[in-house]
Amino acid sequence: MLGAGTHNDLGLTEPLETEPRCFHTRPFLVMDGNRFTGALTATINDPRLRGLPPVGAIDQFVDSTDVTRFSDRRRRYITGPGLGTPQLEQ
């Protein structure tokens, strides 16, 4: 697929499989983007950057319709233990 091929062409990580795969047991083909995120994150050498929490939409980190559907649950997840705003020292 285009995104996977582009990722490999950039040479930022070891080449990753570019063929889509089934989404769990469902008949939907996906790229499983976590593989790319993991490979890229593994190349970060700065300990301050490696220590930062992931950034993105909640549905990238939570696979629960109960959490994503109800705003009070989303807020509890986002502000839960260990998920405070990190501060980079200058």
PDB file of N, CA and C in Angstrom:
ATOM      1  N   MET A   1       0.839  -1.175   0.000  1.00  0.00           N
ATOM      2  CA  MET A   1       0.000   0.000   0.000  1.00  0.00           C
ATOM      3  C   MET A   1       0.885   1.239   0.000  1.00  0.00           C
ATOM      4  N   LEU A   2       0.330   2.328  -0.451  1.00  0.00           N
ATOM      5  CA  LEU A   2       1.095   3.548  -0.667  1.00  0.00           C
ATOM      6  C   LEU A   2       1.818   4.033   0.585  1.00  0.00           C
ATOM      7  N   GLY A   3       1.127   4.176   1.708  1.00  0.00           N
ATOM      8  CA  GLY A   3       1.755   4.685   2.923  1.00  0.00           C
ATOM      9  C   GLY A   3       2.875   3.790   3.421  1.00  0.00           C
ATOM     10  N   ALA A   4       2.665   2.486   3.370  1.00  0.00           N
ATOM     11  CA  ALA A   4       3.685   1.546   3.836  1.00  0.00           C
ATOM     12  C   ALA A   4       4.905   1.589   2.929  1.00  0.00           C
ATOM     13  N   GLY A   5       4.679   1.665   1.639  1.00  0.00           N
ATOM     14  CA  GLY A   5       5.798   1.753   0.704  1.00  0.00           C
ATOM     15  C   GLY A   5       6.590   3.033   0.897  1.00  0.00           C
ATOM     16  N   THR A   6       5.897   4.129   1.108  1.00  0.00           N
ATOM     17  CA  THR A   6       6.563   5.409   1.352  1.00  0.00           C
ATOM     18  C   THR A   6       7.380   5.343   2.635  1.00  0.00           C
ATOM     19  N   HIS A   7       6.805   4.748   3.669  1.00  0.00           N
ATOM     20  CA  HIS A   7       7.541   4.579   4.929  1.00  0.00           C
ATOM     21  C   HIS A   7       8.849   3.832   4.661  1.00  0.00           C
ATOM     22  N   ASN A   8       8.764   2.731   3.966  1.00  0.00           N
ATOM     23  CA  ASN A   8       9.966   1.943   3.684  1.00  0.00           C
ATOM     24  C   ASN A   8      10.950   2.715   2.814  1.00  0.00           C
ATOM     25  N   ASP A   9      10.450   3.464   1.838  1.00  0.00           N
ATOM     26  CA  ASP A   9      11.328   4.239   0.953  1.00  0.00           C
ATOM     27  C   ASP A   9      12.123   5.301   1.716  1.00  0.00           C
ATOM     28  N   LEU A  10      11.555   5.838   2.787  1.00  0.00           N
ATOM     29  CA  LEU A  10      12.255   6.858   3.569  1.00  0.00           C
ATOM     30  C   LEU A  10      13.453   6.290   4.322  1.00  0.00           C
ATOM     31  N   GLY A  11      13.442   5.002   4.612  1.00  0.00           N
ATOM     32  CA  GLY A  11      14.568   4.363   5.274  1.00  0.00           C
ATOM     33  C   GLY A  11      14.761   4.757   6.728  1.00  0.00           C
ATOM     34  N   LEU A  12      13.709   5.221   7.381  1.00  0.00           N
ATOM     35  CA  LEU A  12      13.829   5.624   8.785  1.00  0.00           C
ATOM     36  C   LEU A  12      13.890   4.428   9.727  1.00  0.00           C
ATOM     37  N   THR A  13      13.346   3.299   9.300  1.00  0.00           N
ATOM     38  CA  THR A  13      13.368   2.066  10.088  1.00  0.00           C
ATOM     39  C   THR A  13      13.718   0.920   9.147  1.00  0.00           C
ATOM     40  N   GLU A  14      13.873  -0.246   9.714  1.00  0.00           N
ATOM     41  CA  GLU A  14      13.991  -1.427   8.865  1.00  0.00           C
ATOM     42  C   GLU A  14      12.699  -1.534   8.058  1.00  0.00           C
ATOM     43  N   PRO A  15      12.754  -2.060   6.845  1.00  0.00           N
ATOM     44  CA  PRO A  15      11.528  -2.190   6.051  1.00  0.00           C
ATOM     45  C   PRO A  15      10.478  -3.033   6.777  1.00  0.00           C
ATOM     46  N   LEU A  16       9.239  -2.601   6.670  1.00  0.00           N
ATOM     47  CA  LEU A  16       8.118  -3.316   7.276  1.00  0.00           C
ATOM     48  C   LEU A  16       7.249  -3.922   6.183  1.00  0.00           C
ATOM     49  N   GLU A  17       6.531  -4.959   6.534  1.00  0.00           N
ATOM     50  CA  GLU A  17       5.612  -5.619   5.606  1.00  0.00           C
ATOM     51  C   GLU A  17       4.607  -4.600   5.078  1.00  0.00           C
ATOM     52  N   THR A  18       4.377  -4.597   3.785  1.00  0.00           N
ATOM     53  CA  THR A  18       3.492  -3.600   3.182  1.00  0.00           C
ATOM     54  C   THR A  18       2.112  -4.137   2.829  1.00  0.00           C
ATOM     55  N   GLU A  19       1.894  -5.421   3.022  1.00  0.00           N
ATOM     56  CA  GLU A  19       0.591  -5.997   2.683  1.00  0.00           C
ATOM     57  C   GLU A  19      -0.419  -5.753   3.797  1.00  0.00           C
ATOM     58  N   PRO A  20      -1.640  -5.366   3.436  1.00  0.00           N
ATOM     59  CA  PRO A  20      -2.673  -5.200   4.465  1.00  0.00           C
ATOM     60  C   PRO A  20      -3.033  -6.540   5.089  1.00  0.00           C
ATOM     61  N   ARG A  21      -3.600  -6.484   6.264  1.00  0.00           N
ATOM     62  CA  ARG A  21      -3.991  -7.701   6.983  1.00  0.00           C
ATOM     63  C   ARG A  21      -5.400  -7.538   7.517  1.00  0.00           C
ATOM     64  N   CYS A  22      -6.000  -8.632   7.912  1.00  0.00           N
ATOM     65  CA  CYS A  22      -7.369  -8.582   8.439  1.00  0.00           C
ATOM     66  C   CYS A  22      -7.393  -7.861   9.780  1.00  0.00           C
ATOM     67  N   PHE A  23      -8.460  -7.132  10.004  1.00  0.00           N
ATOM     68  CA  PHE A  23      -8.671  -6.440  11.272  1.00  0.00           C
ATOM     69  C   PHE A  23      -9.270  -7.439  12.246  1.00  0.00           C
ATOM     70  N   HIS A  24      -8.424  -7.965  13.128  1.00  0.00           N
ATOM     71  CA  HIS A  24      -8.799  -9.023  14.074  1.00  0.00           C
ATOM     72  C   HIS A  24      -9.440 -10.166  13.288  1.00  0.00           C
ATOM     73  N   THR A  25     -10.642 -10.566  13.627  1.00  0.00           N
ATOM     74  CA  THR A  25     -11.303 -11.654  12.898  1.00  0.00           C
ATOM     75  C   THR A  25     -12.317 -11.124  11.895  1.00  0.00           C
ATOM     76  N   ARG A  26     -12.297  -9.825  11.686  1.00  0.00           N
ATOM     77  CA  ARG A  26     -13.265  -9.208  10.777  1.00  0.00           C
ATOM     78  C   ARG A  26     -12.723  -9.200   9.347  1.00  0.00           C
ATOM     79  N   PRO A  27     -13.599  -9.128   8.371  1.00  0.00           N
ATOM     80  CA  PRO A  27     -13.154  -9.195   6.968  1.00  0.00           C
ATOM     81  C   PRO A  27     -12.719  -7.845   6.394  1.00  0.00           C
ATOM     82  N   PHE A  28     -12.102  -7.006   7.208  1.00  0.00           N
ATOM     83  CA  PHE A  28     -11.654  -5.698   6.754  1.00  0.00           C
ATOM     84  C   PHE A  28     -10.132  -5.677   6.713  1.00  0.00           C
ATOM     85  N   LEU A  29      -9.580  -5.217   5.611  1.00  0.00           N
ATOM     86  CA  LEU A  29      -8.131  -5.139   5.486  1.00  0.00           C
ATOM     87  C   LEU A  29      -7.631  -3.799   6.004  1.00  0.00           C
ATOM     88  N   VAL A  30      -6.595  -3.839   6.833  1.00  0.00           N
ATOM     89  CA  VAL A  30      -5.999  -2.637   7.419  1.00  0.00           C
ATOM     90  C   VAL A  30      -4.479  -2.755   7.342  1.00  0.00           C
ATOM     91  N   MET A  31      -3.807  -1.640   7.549  1.00  0.00           N
ATOM     92  CA  MET A  31      -2.342  -1.655   7.525  1.00  0.00           C
ATOM     93  C   MET A  31      -1.732  -1.939   8.895  1.00  0.00           C
ATOM     94  N   ASP A  32      -2.521  -1.916   9.947  1.00  0.00           N
ATOM     95  CA  ASP A  32      -2.003  -2.115  11.301  1.00  0.00           C
ATOM     96  C   ASP A  32      -0.912  -1.084  11.581  1.00  0.00           C
ATOM     97  N   GLY A  33      -1.327   0.169  11.601  1.00  0.00           N
ATOM     98  CA  GLY A  33      -0.411   1.289  11.749  1.00  0.00           C
ATOM     99  C   GLY A  33       0.441   1.263  12.998  1.00  0.00           C
ATOM    100  N   ASN A  34       0.036   0.502  14.020  1.00  0.00           N
ATOM    101  CA  ASN A  34       0.846   0.421  15.236  1.00  0.00           C
ATOM    102  C   ASN A  34       2.239  -0.123  14.947  1.00  0.00           C
ATOM    103  N   ARG A  35       2.366  -0.941  13.920  1.00  0.00           N
ATOM    104  CA  ARG A  35       3.690  -1.468  13.562  1.00  0.00           C
ATOM    105  C   ARG A  35       4.627  -0.336  13.162  1.00  0.00           C
ATOM    106  N   PHE A  36       4.096   0.619  12.410  1.00  0.00           N
ATOM    107  CA  PHE A  36       4.906   1.745  11.945  1.00  0.00           C
ATOM    108  C   PHE A  36       5.237   2.683  13.104  1.00  0.00           C
ATOM    109  N   THR A  37       4.241   2.932  13.943  1.00  0.00           N
ATOM    110  CA  THR A  37       4.468   3.772  15.119  1.00  0.00           C
ATOM    111  C   THR A  37       5.531   3.161  16.016  1.00  0.00           C
ATOM    112  N   GLY A  38       5.423   1.869  16.272  1.00  0.00           N
ATOM    113  CA  GLY A  38       6.397   1.187  17.126  1.00  0.00           C
ATOM    114  C   GLY A  38       7.800   1.226  16.551  1.00  0.00           C
ATOM    115  N   ALA A  39       7.907   0.991  15.248  1.00  0.00           N
ATOM    116  CA  ALA A  39       9.226   1.006  14.608  1.00  0.00           C
ATOM    117  C   ALA A  39       9.843   2.400  14.664  1.00  0.00           C
ATOM    118  N   LEU A  40       9.042   3.422  14.415  1.00  0.00           N
ATOM    119  CA  LEU A  40       9.559   4.794  14.463  1.00  0.00           C
ATOM    120  C   LEU A  40       9.918   5.203  15.887  1.00  0.00           C
ATOM    121  N   THR A  41       9.069   4.862  16.842  1.00  0.00           N
ATOM    122  CA  THR A  41       9.329   5.204  18.239  1.00  0.00           C
ATOM    123  C   THR A  41      10.618   4.547  18.727  1.00  0.00           C
ATOM    124  N   ALA A  42      10.881   3.349  18.264  1.00  0.00           N
ATOM    125  CA  ALA A  42      12.092   2.630  18.681  1.00  0.00           C
ATOM    126  C   ALA A  42      13.371   3.340  18.228  1.00  0.00           C
ATOM    127  N   THR A  43      13.271   4.229  17.254  1.00  0.00           N
ATOM    128  CA  THR A  43      14.460   4.938  16.767  1.00  0.00           C
ATOM    129  C   THR A  43      14.744   6.220  17.543  1.00  0.00           C
ATOM    130  N   ILE A  44      13.876   6.602  18.467  1.00  0.00           N
ATOM    131  CA  ILE A  44      14.074   7.834  19.245  1.00  0.00           C
ATOM    132  C   ILE A  44      15.133   7.573  20.309  1.00  0.00           C
ATOM    133  N   ASN A  45      16.215   8.330  20.258  1.00  0.00           N
ATOM    134  CA  ASN A  45      17.324   8.135  21.192  1.00  0.00           C
ATOM    135  C   ASN A  45      17.306   9.093  22.375  1.00  0.00           C
ATOM    136  N   ASP A  46      16.675  10.233  22.230  1.00  0.00           N
ATOM    137  CA  ASP A  46      16.650  11.233  23.301  1.00  0.00           C
ATOM    138  C   ASP A  46      15.740  10.741  24.428  1.00  0.00           C
ATOM    139  N   PRO A  47      16.281  10.525  25.640  1.00  0.00           N
ATOM    140  CA  PRO A  47      15.461   9.995  26.737  1.00  0.00           C
ATOM    141  C   PRO A  47      14.302  10.911  27.125  1.00  0.00           C
ATOM    142  N   ARG A  48      14.465  12.223  26.947  1.00  0.00           N
ATOM    143  CA  ARG A  48      13.356  13.135  27.270  1.00  0.00           C
ATOM    144  C   ARG A  48      12.190  12.914  26.313  1.00  0.00           C
ATOM    145  N   LEU A  49      12.495  12.709  25.051  1.00  0.00           N
ATOM    146  CA  LEU A  49      11.427  12.455  24.080  1.00  0.00           C
ATOM    147  C   LEU A  49      10.821  11.069  24.276  1.00  0.00           C
ATOM    148  N   ARG A  50      11.659  10.082  24.548  1.00  0.00           N
ATOM    149  CA  ARG A  50      11.151   8.721  24.757  1.00  0.00           C
ATOM    150  C   ARG A  50      10.226   8.656  25.969  1.00  0.00           C
ATOM    151  N   GLY A  51      10.437   9.538  26.944  1.00  0.00           N
ATOM    152  CA  GLY A  51       9.630   9.533  28.153  1.00  0.00           C
ATOM    153  C   GLY A  51       8.284  10.216  28.019  1.00  0.00           C
ATOM    154  N   LEU A  52       8.056  10.893  26.905  1.00  0.00           N
ATOM    155  CA  LEU A  52       6.779  11.575  26.717  1.00  0.00           C
ATOM    156  C   LEU A  52       5.673  10.567  26.416  1.00  0.00           C
ATOM    157  N   PRO A  53       4.458  10.844  26.884  1.00  0.00           N
ATOM    158  CA  PRO A  53       3.344   9.946  26.560  1.00  0.00           C
ATOM    159  C   PRO A  53       2.969  10.093  25.088  1.00  0.00           C
ATOM    160  N   PRO A  54       2.302   9.107  24.538  1.00  0.00           N
ATOM    161  CA  PRO A  54       1.879   9.210  23.138  1.00  0.00           C
ATOM    162  C   PRO A  54       0.867  10.342  22.955  1.00  0.00           C
ATOM    163  N   VAL A  55       0.816  10.875  21.755  1.00  0.00           N
ATOM    164  CA  VAL A  55      -0.094  11.970  21.431  1.00  0.00           C
ATOM    165  C   VAL A  55      -0.992  11.523  20.286  1.00  0.00           C
ATOM    166  N   GLY A  56      -2.259  11.853  20.378  1.00  0.00           N
ATOM    167  CA  GLY A  56      -3.184  11.520  19.299  1.00  0.00           C
ATOM    168  C   GLY A  56      -4.605  11.454  19.808  1.00  0.00           C
ATOM    169  N   ALA A  57      -5.493  11.060  18.942  1.00  0.00           N
ATOM    170  CA  ALA A  57      -6.903  10.926  19.300  1.00  0.00           C
ATOM    171  C   ALA A  57      -7.091   9.713  20.207  1.00  0.00           C
ATOM    172  N   ILE A  58      -8.081   9.781  21.078  1.00  0.00           N
ATOM    173  CA  ILE A  58      -8.282   8.713  22.063  1.00  0.00           C
ATOM    174  C   ILE A  58      -8.515   7.360  21.403  1.00  0.00           C
ATOM    175  N   ASP A  59      -9.160   7.340  20.236  1.00  0.00           N
ATOM    176  CA  ASP A  59      -9.432   6.050  19.608  1.00  0.00           C
ATOM    177  C   ASP A  59      -8.176   5.394  19.034  1.00  0.00           C
ATOM    178  N   GLN A  60      -7.050   6.100  19.068  1.00  0.00           N
ATOM    179  CA  GLN A  60      -5.786   5.479  18.696  1.00  0.00           C
ATOM    180  C   GLN A  60      -5.223   4.652  19.847  1.00  0.00           C
ATOM    181  N   PHE A  61      -5.685   4.902  21.061  1.00  0.00           N
ATOM    182  CA  PHE A  61      -5.122   4.255  22.237  1.00  0.00           C
ATOM    183  C   PHE A  61      -6.119   3.391  22.989  1.00  0.00           C
ATOM    184  N   VAL A  62      -7.399   3.597  22.748  1.00  0.00           N
ATOM    185  CA  VAL A  62      -8.438   2.882  23.483  1.00  0.00           C
ATOM    186  C   VAL A  62      -9.330   2.152  22.490  1.00  0.00           C
ATOM    187  N   ASP A  63      -9.476   0.866  22.686  1.00  0.00           N
ATOM    188  CA  ASP A  63     -10.345   0.067  21.834  1.00  0.00           C
ATOM    189  C   ASP A  63     -11.581  -0.323  22.639  1.00  0.00           C
ATOM    190  N   SER A  64     -12.328   0.682  23.074  1.00  0.00           N
ATOM    191  CA  SER A  64     -13.507   0.439  23.896  1.00  0.00           C
ATOM    192  C   SER A  64     -14.575   1.452  23.527  1.00  0.00           C
ATOM    193  N   THR A  65     -15.676   0.981  22.989  1.00  0.00           N
ATOM    194  CA  THR A  65     -16.747   1.913  22.636  1.00  0.00           C
ATOM    195  C   THR A  65     -17.334   2.565  23.876  1.00  0.00           C
ATOM    196  N   ASP A  66     -17.263   1.894  25.033  1.00  0.00           N
ATOM    197  CA  ASP A  66     -17.769   2.511  26.261  1.00  0.00           C
ATOM    198  C   ASP A  66     -16.949   3.732  26.646  1.00  0.00           C
ATOM    199  N   VAL A  67     -15.651   3.698  26.406  1.00  0.00           N
ATOM    200  CA  VAL A  67     -14.809   4.845  26.735  1.00  0.00           C
ATOM    201  C   VAL A  67     -14.981   5.940  25.691  1.00  0.00           C
ATOM    202  N   THR A  68     -14.967   5.574  24.427  1.00  0.00           N
ATOM    203  CA  THR A  68     -15.031   6.603  23.388  1.00  0.00           C
ATOM    204  C   THR A  68     -16.424   7.202  23.229  1.00  0.00           C
ATOM    205  N   ARG A  69     -17.448   6.505  23.659  1.00  0.00           N
ATOM    206  CA  ARG A  69     -18.821   6.981  23.483  1.00  0.00           C
ATOM    207  C   ARG A  69     -19.255   7.984  24.550  1.00  0.00           C
ATOM    208  N   PHE A  70     -18.766   7.832  25.770  1.00  0.00           N
ATOM    209  CA  PHE A  70     -19.223   8.669  26.881  1.00  0.00           C
ATOM    210  C   PHE A  70     -18.126   9.652  27.295  1.00  0.00           C
ATOM    211  N   SER A  71     -18.449  10.948  27.231  1.00  0.00           N
ATOM    212  CA  SER A  71     -17.431  11.972  27.474  1.00  0.00           C
ATOM    213  C   SER A  71     -16.839  11.898  28.876  1.00  0.00           C
ATOM    214  N   ASP A  72     -17.620  11.532  29.901  1.00  0.00           N
ATOM    215  CA  ASP A  72     -17.056  11.457  31.252  1.00  0.00           C
ATOM    216  C   ASP A  72     -16.010  10.350  31.341  1.00  0.00           C
ATOM    217  N   ARG A  73     -16.220   9.265  30.643  1.00  0.00           N
ATOM    218  CA  ARG A  73     -15.239   8.171  30.643  1.00  0.00           C
ATOM    219  C   ARG A  73     -13.993   8.566  29.855  1.00  0.00           C
ATOM    220  N   ARG A  74     -14.187   9.285  28.754  1.00  0.00           N
ATOM    221  CA  ARG A  74     -13.025   9.766  27.994  1.00  0.00           C
ATOM    222  C   ARG A  74     -12.166  10.659  28.871  1.00  0.00           C
ATOM    223  N   ARG A  75     -12.804  11.590  29.574  1.00  0.00           N
ATOM    224  CA  ARG A  75     -12.046  12.512  30.429  1.00  0.00           C
ATOM    225  C   ARG A  75     -11.289  11.759  31.517  1.00  0.00           C
ATOM    226  N   ARG A  76     -11.933  10.762  32.134  1.00  0.00           N
ATOM    227  CA  ARG A  76     -11.246   9.985  33.175  1.00  0.00           C
ATOM    228  C   ARG A  76     -10.046   9.256  32.597  1.00  0.00           C
ATOM    229  N   TYR A  77     -10.180   8.716  31.404  1.00  0.00           N
ATOM    230  CA  TYR A  77      -9.067   8.001  30.783  1.00  0.00           C
ATOM    231  C   TYR A  77      -7.930   8.967  30.473  1.00  0.00           C
ATOM    232  N   ILE A  78      -8.260  10.097  29.875  1.00  0.00           N
ATOM    233  CA  ILE A  78      -7.248  11.067  29.464  1.00  0.00           C
ATOM    234  C   ILE A  78      -6.503  11.636  30.662  1.00  0.00           C
ATOM    235  N   THR A  79      -7.195  11.855  31.777  1.00  0.00           N
ATOM    236  CA  THR A  79      -6.557  12.466  32.941  1.00  0.00           C
ATOM    237  C   THR A  79      -6.181  11.441  34.001  1.00  0.00           C
ATOM    238  N   GLY A  80      -6.174  10.165  33.633  1.00  0.00           N
ATOM    239  CA  GLY A  80      -5.874   9.100  34.587  1.00  0.00           C
ATOM    240  C   GLY A  80      -4.441   9.132  35.081  1.00  0.00           C
ATOM    241  N   PRO A  81      -4.113   8.229  36.002  1.00  0.00           N
ATOM    242  CA  PRO A  81      -2.770   8.174  36.586  1.00  0.00           C
ATOM    243  C   PRO A  81      -1.694   8.041  35.517  1.00  0.00           C
ATOM    244  N   GLY A  82      -0.657   8.834  35.650  1.00  0.00           N
ATOM    245  CA  GLY A  82       0.472   8.748  34.735  1.00  0.00           C
ATOM    246  C   GLY A  82       0.259   9.437  33.408  1.00  0.00           C
ATOM    247  N   LEU A  83      -0.892  10.067  33.225  1.00  0.00           N
ATOM    248  CA  LEU A  83      -1.161  10.699  31.940  1.00  0.00           C
ATOM    249  C   LEU A  83      -1.207  12.217  32.053  1.00  0.00           C
ATOM    250  N   GLY A  84      -0.539  12.756  33.048  1.00  0.00           N
ATOM    251  CA  GLY A  84      -0.498  14.204  33.194  1.00  0.00           C
ATOM    252  C   GLY A  84       0.320  14.837  32.086  1.00  0.00           C
ATOM    253  N   THR A  85       0.322  16.131  32.037  1.00  0.00           N
ATOM    254  CA  THR A  85       1.075  16.844  31.017  1.00  0.00           C
ATOM    255  C   THR A  85       2.553  16.857  31.381  1.00  0.00           C
ATOM    256  N   PRO A  86       3.406  16.254  30.555  1.00  0.00           N
ATOM    257  CA  PRO A  86       4.837  16.242  30.862  1.00  0.00           C
ATOM    258  C   PRO A  86       5.459  17.607  30.599  1.00  0.00           C
ATOM    259  N   GLN A  87       6.508  17.901  31.305  1.00  0.00           N
ATOM    260  CA  GLN A  87       7.224  19.161  31.122  1.00  0.00           C
ATOM    261  C   GLN A  87       8.636  18.851  30.652  1.00  0.00           C
ATOM    262  N   LEU A  88       9.038  19.453  29.547  1.00  0.00           N
ATOM    263  CA  LEU A  88      10.416  19.317  29.082  1.00  0.00           C
ATOM    264  C   LEU A  88      11.257  20.397  29.737  1.00  0.00           C
ATOM    265  N   GLU A  89      12.388  20.000  30.276  1.00  0.00           N
ATOM    266  CA  GLU A  89      13.291  20.987  30.863  1.00  0.00           C
ATOM    267  C   GLU A  89      14.032  21.694  29.747  1.00  0.00           C
ATOM    268  N   GLN A  90      14.251  22.973  29.928  1.00  0.00           N
ATOM    269  CA  GLN A  90      14.969  23.757  28.914  1.00  0.00           C
ATOM    270  C   GLN A  90      16.454  23.688  29.151  1.00  0.00           C
TER     271      GLN A  90
END
